[in-house]
Amino acid sequence: MKTKKQLLKNPTFQTVLASVLCIVLGLFIGFVVLLLINPAGAGTAIKTILLNWMTRGTTAARLKTLGNTIVKTAPLLLCALSVQFCYKVGLFNIGAAGQYVAGAGMCLYAALAWKLPWFVCILLAMAAGAFLGMISGALKAYQNVNEVISGIMLNWITLYTVNIILGGSSLTKDPASPYTVDLAASNPKGVIPSLGLEKLFSNNRFVTIAIPLAILIAVLVWVILNKTKFGYELRATGYNKEAARYAGMKEKKNIILTLMIGGALAAAGAAFFFLTGYEKWSTTQTSVPGMGFNGIAATFLGGLHPIGTIFSSYFIQHITDGGALIDKSIYPSQISDLISAIIIYLCAFVLFFKTTLTIRLARQEERTIERELEIKAEKGGDNE
């Protein structure tokens, strides 16, 4: 019994338990929606969403589909880390979507217009994202402008700016698709190398070293936040700006640096994705890519822990791609988006669940101690 209580008190176990509950409830509600649409195929549809690449007929097809899911997991992971890094410092980086757009525009322009190698394109993309983060950070630090408001405004400003720059240049003059660009044909050295990884996924050329790099960055974020003086100062600033200032920490500088790092992470995610050549940028799109917003779900589902976020990012991308494989003549492919949205909503209760569980366990422990004291007192009275 004592071991069970100790396990329930463990913060890591609480996070995993809360995340699993969110996933189960989200899938259950999604299944109910499928039943309402068409009961006959609901079981097959939810199974397809859950299995994704495992539903493919051949080994080669399964590996290739798995590779496609992993390719899209890398940018999602970095967007999640962007949101998480800022959240740890008491900031909500909803501007990660715009920073992602800035990274996409910068890396594509650098690769196509300047013919720069892939690693330089990534660094320039990170600089563009950091610049956007710096704007939100400076507004927050010096004018107390809420980073959510400034981030949302910058999302749309950045989207249309990138569309104008890429659409107004010679980069989009592709007869077959006049509003997109072909990275691989224009600058092969701007494509992130695979170094043999593509052979593991049926020669899927989109599987690159972006995937291990994203995991490495997740580990690096954990080290910075938890094992360095710099990370301690950032977290202290997030807990209490006034106390941090009193302790001699430069809270304004820390706020700006935090949002700059968050911006660089989101932009790196875009570079990792678009430099694979998997997807082309459309200069006619009128909505901000959802990757930056999906990162919010991934980071909370991962329990605000960089390592947990690796697995949650894959899971969200897994069910999203699984939703694209269901029978679209019966069910809309957006059902996976609905499930993800429900999980996002439920993730808001993860911290509530952990806090409630901790309080309940503490109260039970208090009652147990009080009961033991009462028994001892009764025994003492009997002895007298």
Protein backbone atom coordinates (compact mmCIF):
# COMPACT_ATOMS: atom_id res chain seq x y z
CA MET A 1 0.00 0.00 0.00
CA LYS A 2 2.83 2.33 0.93
CA THR A 3 4.59 1.53 -2.36
CA LYS A 4 1.41 2.36 -4.29
CA LYS A 5 1.11 5.73 -2.54
CA GLN A 6 4.76 6.50 -3.19
CA LEU A 7 4.20 5.71 -6.86
CA LEU A 8 1.16 7.99 -7.02
CA LYS A 9 3.18 10.79 -5.44
CA ASN A 10 5.89 10.52 -8.09
CA PRO A 11 5.56 13.57 -10.42
CA THR A 12 6.68 11.56 -13.46
CA PHE A 13 4.09 8.86 -12.83
CA GLN A 14 1.40 11.50 -12.28
CA THR A 15 2.29 13.13 -15.61
CA VAL A 16 2.22 9.82 -17.50
CA LEU A 17 -1.07 8.83 -15.87
CA ALA A 18 -2.70 12.19 -16.66
CA SER A 19 -1.48 12.08 -20.28
CA VAL A 20 -2.77 8.53 -20.78
CA LEU A 21 -6.17 9.56 -19.40
CA CYS A 22 -6.28 12.49 -21.85
CA ILE A 23 -5.47 10.17 -24.74
CA VAL A 24 -8.02 7.53 -23.75
CA LEU A 25 -10.80 10.08 -23.26
CA GLY A 26 -9.93 11.82 -26.53
CA LEU A 27 -10.01 8.56 -28.48
CA PHE A 28 -13.25 7.50 -26.80
CA ILE A 29 -15.01 10.75 -27.71
CA GLY A 30 -13.65 10.46 -31.25
CA PHE A 31 -15.01 6.93 -31.47
CA VAL A 32 -18.45 8.14 -30.30
CA VAL A 33 -18.41 10.74 -33.10
CA LEU A 34 -17.53 8.01 -35.62
CA LEU A 35 -20.44 5.93 -34.33
CA LEU A 36 -22.81 8.84 -34.81
CA ILE A 37 -21.66 9.31 -38.41
CA ASN A 38 -21.74 5.63 -39.40
CA PRO A 39 -21.80 2.86 -36.78
CA ALA A 40 -20.91 0.11 -39.26
CA GLY A 41 -17.37 1.28 -39.98
CA ALA A 42 -16.57 3.10 -36.74
CA GLY A 43 -14.45 0.26 -35.36
CA THR A 44 -12.36 0.02 -38.52
CA ALA A 45 -11.95 3.80 -38.69
CA ILE A 46 -10.70 4.22 -35.10
CA LYS A 47 -8.40 1.23 -35.61
CA THR A 48 -6.95 2.86 -38.73
CA ILE A 49 -6.36 6.11 -36.86
CA LEU A 50 -4.59 4.25 -34.06
CA LEU A 51 -2.49 1.96 -36.26
CA ASN A 52 -1.69 4.44 -39.08
CA TRP A 53 1.27 2.99 -41.03
CA MET A 54 0.67 -0.52 -39.66
CA THR A 55 -2.47 -0.78 -41.82
CA ARG A 56 -0.44 -0.74 -45.05
CA GLY A 57 -0.38 -3.96 -47.05
CA THR A 58 3.35 -4.45 -47.59
CA THR A 59 6.44 -3.99 -45.45
CA ALA A 60 7.86 -1.43 -47.87
CA ALA A 61 4.65 0.61 -47.81
CA ARG A 62 4.52 0.46 -44.00
CA LEU A 63 8.10 1.65 -43.64
CA LYS A 64 7.61 4.45 -46.15
CA THR A 65 4.43 5.66 -44.40
CA LEU A 66 6.19 5.48 -41.03
CA GLY A 67 9.02 7.56 -42.50
CA ASN A 68 6.55 10.22 -43.65
CA THR A 69 5.08 10.43 -40.14
CA ILE A 70 8.52 10.77 -38.57
CA VAL A 71 9.48 13.51 -41.04
CA LYS A 72 6.53 15.59 -39.81
CA THR A 73 7.23 14.74 -36.18
CA ALA A 74 10.58 16.59 -36.19
CA PRO A 75 9.11 20.09 -36.78
CA LEU A 76 6.23 19.38 -34.41
CA LEU A 77 8.70 18.43 -31.69
CA LEU A 78 10.67 21.65 -32.10
CA CYS A 79 7.51 23.76 -32.04
CA ALA A 80 6.49 21.96 -28.86
CA LEU A 81 9.91 22.64 -27.34
CA SER A 82 9.54 26.30 -28.30
CA VAL A 83 6.25 26.58 -26.40
CA GLN A 84 7.62 24.54 -23.50
CA PHE A 85 10.85 26.52 -23.09
CA CYS A 86 8.92 29.76 -22.80
CA TYR A 87 6.24 28.26 -20.56
CA LYS A 88 8.90 27.16 -18.08
CA VAL A 89 9.81 30.84 -17.75
CA GLY A 90 6.20 31.91 -17.24
CA LEU A 91 5.61 32.97 -20.86
CA PHE A 92 3.07 31.59 -23.34
CA ASN A 93 4.66 31.60 -26.78
CA ILE A 94 1.63 31.44 -29.04
CA GLY A 95 3.82 33.31 -31.53
CA ALA A 96 5.58 30.01 -32.29
CA ALA A 97 3.34 29.71 -35.37
CA GLY A 98 4.65 32.98 -36.79
CA GLN A 99 8.23 32.10 -35.85
CA TYR A 100 7.73 28.83 -37.71
CA VAL A 101 6.60 30.80 -40.77
CA ALA A 102 9.60 33.12 -40.51
CA GLY A 103 11.92 30.12 -40.37
CA ALA A 104 10.27 28.55 -43.42
CA GLY A 105 10.52 31.75 -45.45
CA MET A 106 14.11 32.46 -44.46
CA CYS A 107 15.45 28.95 -45.08
CA LEU A 108 13.73 28.68 -48.47
CA TYR A 109 14.92 32.09 -49.62
CA ALA A 110 18.47 31.38 -48.45
CA ALA A 111 18.51 28.01 -50.21
CA LEU A 112 16.86 29.12 -53.45
CA ALA A 113 17.96 32.71 -53.94
CA TRP A 114 21.42 32.59 -52.36
CA LYS A 115 22.16 28.89 -52.99
CA LEU A 116 23.50 28.45 -49.47
CA PRO A 117 24.18 25.02 -47.89
CA TRP A 118 21.59 23.45 -45.62
CA PHE A 119 23.28 24.16 -42.27
CA VAL A 120 23.62 27.88 -43.08
CA CYS A 121 19.96 27.96 -44.12
CA ILE A 122 19.00 26.47 -40.76
CA LEU A 123 21.08 29.02 -38.85
CA LEU A 124 19.53 31.90 -40.82
CA ALA A 125 16.05 30.49 -40.19
CA MET A 126 16.78 30.35 -36.46
CA ALA A 127 17.99 33.95 -36.57
CA ALA A 128 14.71 35.00 -38.23
CA GLY A 129 12.65 33.20 -35.58
CA ALA A 130 14.79 34.67 -32.80
CA PHE A 131 14.23 38.16 -34.22
CA LEU A 132 10.45 37.72 -33.98
CA GLY A 133 10.83 36.38 -30.47
CA MET A 134 12.97 39.39 -29.57
CA ILE A 135 10.18 41.75 -30.67
CA SER A 136 7.63 40.03 -28.42
CA GLY A 137 10.17 39.81 -25.62
CA ALA A 138 11.11 43.49 -25.78
CA LEU A 139 7.45 44.52 -25.80
CA LYS A 140 6.82 42.30 -22.79
CA ALA A 141 9.92 43.37 -20.85
CA TYR A 142 9.80 47.12 -21.40
CA GLN A 143 6.13 47.90 -22.11
CA ASN A 144 4.43 44.96 -20.36
CA VAL A 145 2.62 44.03 -23.58
CA ASN A 146 1.18 40.54 -23.21
CA GLU A 147 3.24 38.12 -25.32
CA VAL A 148 0.05 36.36 -26.48
CA ILE A 149 -1.32 39.55 -28.09
CA SER A 150 1.96 40.55 -29.72
CA GLY A 151 2.55 36.93 -30.82
CA ILE A 152 -0.83 36.62 -32.53
CA MET A 153 -0.35 39.92 -34.36
CA LEU A 154 3.13 38.90 -35.50
CA ASN A 155 1.83 35.54 -36.75
CA TRP A 156 -0.26 37.18 -39.45
CA ILE A 157 2.22 39.95 -40.23
CA THR A 158 4.90 37.31 -40.77
CA LEU A 159 2.69 35.08 -42.92
CA TYR A 160 1.82 37.80 -45.42
CA THR A 161 5.35 39.19 -45.41
CA VAL A 162 6.79 35.78 -46.28
CA ASN A 163 4.15 35.29 -49.00
CA ILE A 164 5.01 38.66 -50.52
CA ILE A 165 8.76 38.04 -50.46
CA LEU A 166 8.62 34.52 -51.88
CA GLY A 167 5.75 35.25 -54.26
CA GLY A 168 7.30 38.44 -55.63
CA SER A 169 10.63 36.84 -56.47
CA SER A 170 11.72 34.57 -59.29
CA LEU A 171 11.64 31.61 -56.89
CA THR A 172 8.01 30.79 -57.66
CA LYS A 173 8.23 30.80 -61.43
CA ASP A 174 7.52 27.10 -61.82
CA PRO A 175 5.29 26.49 -64.90
CA ALA A 176 3.71 23.41 -63.34
CA SER A 177 3.03 25.12 -60.01
CA PRO A 178 3.48 28.89 -60.28
CA TYR A 179 2.87 29.60 -56.59
CA THR A 180 5.33 27.09 -55.10
CA VAL A 181 9.04 26.33 -55.28
CA ASP A 182 11.04 23.13 -55.85
CA LEU A 183 13.94 23.06 -53.44
CA ALA A 184 15.65 19.85 -54.57
CA ALA A 185 15.80 20.92 -58.22
CA SER A 186 16.96 24.49 -57.51
CA ASN A 187 19.62 23.85 -54.86
CA PRO A 188 20.42 20.21 -53.97
CA LYS A 189 23.06 21.27 -51.42
CA GLY A 190 20.34 23.14 -49.53
CA VAL A 191 18.56 19.84 -48.79
CA ILE A 192 19.27 18.33 -45.37
CA PRO A 193 21.35 15.16 -45.92
CA SER A 194 19.98 11.75 -45.00
CA LEU A 195 23.31 10.00 -44.37
CA GLY A 196 21.76 6.63 -45.08
CA LEU A 197 18.66 7.03 -42.89
CA GLU A 198 16.40 6.86 -45.92
CA LYS A 199 17.40 3.20 -46.45
CA LEU A 200 15.72 2.27 -43.17
CA PHE A 201 12.39 3.52 -44.49
CA SER A 202 12.18 1.99 -47.98
CA ASN A 203 14.50 4.61 -49.50
CA ASN A 204 12.20 7.43 -48.39
CA ARG A 205 14.34 10.39 -49.45
CA PHE A 206 12.53 12.74 -47.07
CA VAL A 207 13.89 10.97 -43.98
CA THR A 208 16.93 13.04 -43.03
CA ILE A 209 19.18 13.76 -40.07
CA ALA A 210 16.62 16.38 -39.02
CA ILE A 211 15.00 13.64 -36.94
CA PRO A 212 18.00 12.76 -34.70
CA LEU A 213 18.91 16.45 -34.57
CA ALA A 214 15.44 17.30 -33.21
CA ILE A 215 15.78 14.62 -30.50
CA LEU A 216 19.25 15.94 -29.63
CA ILE A 217 17.83 19.45 -29.26
CA ALA A 218 15.12 18.10 -26.93
CA VAL A 219 17.79 16.61 -24.68
CA LEU A 220 19.77 19.87 -24.85
CA VAL A 221 16.71 21.88 -23.77
CA TRP A 222 16.28 19.59 -20.75
CA VAL A 223 19.94 20.04 -19.80
CA ILE A 224 19.77 23.82 -20.14
CA LEU A 225 16.62 24.19 -18.08
CA ASN A 226 17.52 21.75 -15.32
CA LYS A 227 21.29 21.49 -15.14
CA THR A 228 22.64 24.98 -15.77
CA LYS A 229 22.79 28.26 -13.90
CA PHE A 230 21.30 29.98 -16.95
CA GLY A 231 18.27 27.67 -16.87
CA TYR A 232 17.84 28.21 -13.14
CA GLU A 233 17.79 31.98 -13.62
CA LEU A 234 15.24 31.69 -16.42
CA ARG A 235 12.93 29.51 -14.32
CA ALA A 236 13.38 31.80 -11.30
CA THR A 237 12.35 34.75 -13.46
CA GLY A 238 9.25 32.85 -14.52
CA TYR A 239 8.26 32.02 -10.95
CA ASN A 240 8.62 35.60 -9.68
CA LYS A 241 10.08 38.50 -11.64
CA GLU A 242 10.31 40.77 -8.62
CA ALA A 243 12.12 38.15 -6.54
CA ALA A 244 14.50 37.45 -9.41
CA ARG A 245 15.27 41.16 -9.71
CA TYR A 246 15.84 41.38 -5.95
CA ALA A 247 18.28 38.45 -6.20
CA GLY A 248 20.30 40.34 -8.80
CA MET A 249 18.97 38.59 -11.91
CA LYS A 250 18.29 40.64 -15.03
CA GLU A 251 14.63 39.76 -15.50
CA LYS A 252 14.11 41.90 -18.63
CA LYS A 253 17.10 40.32 -20.33
CA ASN A 254 15.88 36.85 -19.34
CA ILE A 255 12.40 37.47 -20.78
CA ILE A 256 13.82 38.63 -24.11
CA LEU A 257 16.34 35.78 -24.27
CA THR A 258 13.66 33.23 -23.50
CA LEU A 259 11.39 34.33 -26.33
CA MET A 260 14.36 34.57 -28.68
CA ILE A 261 15.34 30.97 -27.91
CA GLY A 262 11.70 29.90 -28.29
CA GLY A 263 11.55 31.65 -31.65
CA ALA A 264 14.78 30.02 -32.81
CA LEU A 265 13.45 26.56 -31.89
CA ALA A 266 10.18 27.00 -33.80
CA ALA A 267 12.03 28.39 -36.83
CA ALA A 268 14.48 25.49 -36.76
CA GLY A 269 11.49 23.14 -36.90
CA ALA A 270 10.32 24.82 -40.11
CA ALA A 271 13.80 24.60 -41.60
CA PHE A 272 14.04 20.91 -40.71
CA PHE A 273 10.74 20.33 -42.52
CA PHE A 274 10.96 22.48 -45.63
CA LEU A 275 14.62 21.72 -46.33
CA THR A 276 13.72 18.04 -46.72
CA GLY A 277 11.71 18.94 -49.82
CA TYR A 278 8.74 17.01 -48.39
CA GLU A 279 6.40 19.99 -48.73
CA LYS A 280 6.47 23.15 -50.82
CA TRP A 281 5.56 26.56 -49.55
CA SER A 282 2.42 28.00 -51.13
CA THR A 283 2.53 31.78 -51.48
CA THR A 284 -1.26 31.93 -51.73
CA GLN A 285 -2.06 30.42 -48.32
CA THR A 286 -4.12 32.66 -46.07
CA SER A 287 -3.84 30.76 -42.79
CA VAL A 288 -0.87 30.24 -40.51
CA PRO A 289 0.41 26.62 -40.59
CA GLY A 290 -1.00 24.61 -37.72
CA MET A 291 2.36 23.16 -36.69
CA GLY A 292 3.04 25.98 -34.23
CA PHE A 293 -0.36 25.56 -32.59
CA ASN A 294 -0.11 21.76 -32.51
CA GLY A 295 3.09 22.22 -30.56
CA ILE A 296 0.97 23.48 -27.64
CA ALA A 297 -0.84 20.13 -27.51
CA ALA A 298 2.38 18.15 -27.79
CA THR A 299 4.14 19.97 -24.99
CA PHE A 300 1.24 19.71 -22.51
CA LEU A 301 0.54 16.09 -23.43
CA GLY A 302 4.24 15.43 -22.81
CA GLY A 303 3.86 16.79 -19.29
CA LEU A 304 5.96 19.89 -20.00
CA HIS A 305 9.03 17.65 -20.10
CA PRO A 306 11.37 17.66 -23.13
CA ILE A 307 11.76 13.87 -23.19
CA GLY A 308 8.02 13.25 -22.74
CA THR A 309 7.40 15.75 -25.54
CA ILE A 310 9.35 13.56 -27.97
CA PHE A 311 6.81 10.76 -27.52
CA SER A 312 3.75 13.02 -27.40
CA SER A 313 4.83 14.78 -30.62
CA TYR A 314 5.07 11.46 -32.41
CA PHE A 315 1.70 10.32 -31.04
CA ILE A 316 -0.13 13.45 -32.21
CA GLN A 317 1.43 13.21 -35.67
CA HIS A 318 0.73 9.47 -35.73
CA ILE A 319 -3.03 9.83 -35.20
CA THR A 320 -3.15 12.86 -37.53
CA ASP A 321 -1.65 10.82 -40.37
CA GLY A 322 -3.82 7.87 -39.40
CA GLY A 323 -6.89 10.03 -39.88
CA ALA A 324 -5.84 10.65 -43.48
CA LEU A 325 -6.03 6.90 -44.19
CA ILE A 326 -9.67 6.28 -43.16
CA ASP A 327 -12.45 5.81 -45.71
CA LYS A 328 -13.11 9.39 -46.80
CA SER A 329 -16.29 8.45 -48.62
CA ILE A 330 -17.83 7.81 -45.18
CA TYR A 331 -15.82 9.76 -42.63
CA PRO A 332 -14.05 13.13 -42.90
CA SER A 333 -10.26 12.93 -42.51
CA GLN A 334 -10.54 15.80 -40.03
CA ILE A 335 -11.76 13.32 -37.41
CA SER A 336 -8.13 12.93 -36.28
CA ASP A 337 -7.93 16.71 -35.91
CA LEU A 338 -11.05 16.53 -33.74
CA ILE A 339 -9.43 13.88 -31.54
CA SER A 340 -6.26 15.98 -31.30
CA ALA A 341 -8.34 19.04 -30.40
CA ILE A 342 -10.14 17.12 -27.65
CA ILE A 343 -6.81 15.90 -26.29
CA ILE A 344 -5.52 19.49 -26.39
CA TYR A 345 -8.56 20.60 -24.40
CA LEU A 346 -8.13 17.81 -21.89
CA CYS A 347 -4.42 18.58 -21.56
CA ALA A 348 -5.45 21.80 -19.86
CA PHE A 349 -6.53 19.59 -16.98
CA VAL A 350 -3.21 17.73 -16.68
CA LEU A 351 -1.82 20.17 -14.12
CA PHE A 352 -5.23 20.29 -12.41
CA PHE A 353 -5.26 16.49 -12.20
CA LYS A 354 -1.72 16.37 -10.77
CA THR A 355 -2.49 19.06 -8.20
CA THR A 356 -5.77 17.41 -7.18
CA LEU A 357 -4.11 14.01 -6.85
CA THR A 358 -1.30 15.46 -4.74
CA ILE A 359 -3.76 17.23 -2.43
CA ARG A 360 -5.90 14.10 -2.02
CA LEU A 361 -2.86 11.98 -1.21
CA ALA A 362 -1.65 14.57 1.31
CA ARG A 363 -5.07 14.59 3.02
CA GLN A 364 -5.16 10.81 3.17
CA GLU A 365 -1.70 10.81 4.71
CA GLU A 366 -2.81 13.39 7.30
CA ARG A 367 -5.85 11.27 8.21
CA THR A 368 -3.65 8.19 8.54
CA ILE A 369 -1.24 10.03 10.85
CA GLU A 370 -4.12 11.43 12.92
CA ARG A 371 -5.65 7.96 13.20
CA GLU A 372 -2.32 6.46 14.32
CA LEU A 373 -1.93 9.20 16.94
CA GLU A 374 -5.47 8.54 18.21
CA ILE A 375 -4.76 4.82 18.49
CA LYS A 376 -1.53 5.51 20.39
CA ALA A 377 -3.37 7.93 22.70
CA GLU A 378 -6.09 5.33 23.37
CA LYS A 379 -3.51 2.67 24.14
CA GLY A 380 -1.69 5.08 26.45
CA GLY A 381 -4.94 5.80 28.31
CA ASP A 382 -5.68 2.09 28.67
CA ASN A 383 -2.21 1.42 30.12
CA GLU A 384 -2.75 4.07 32.77
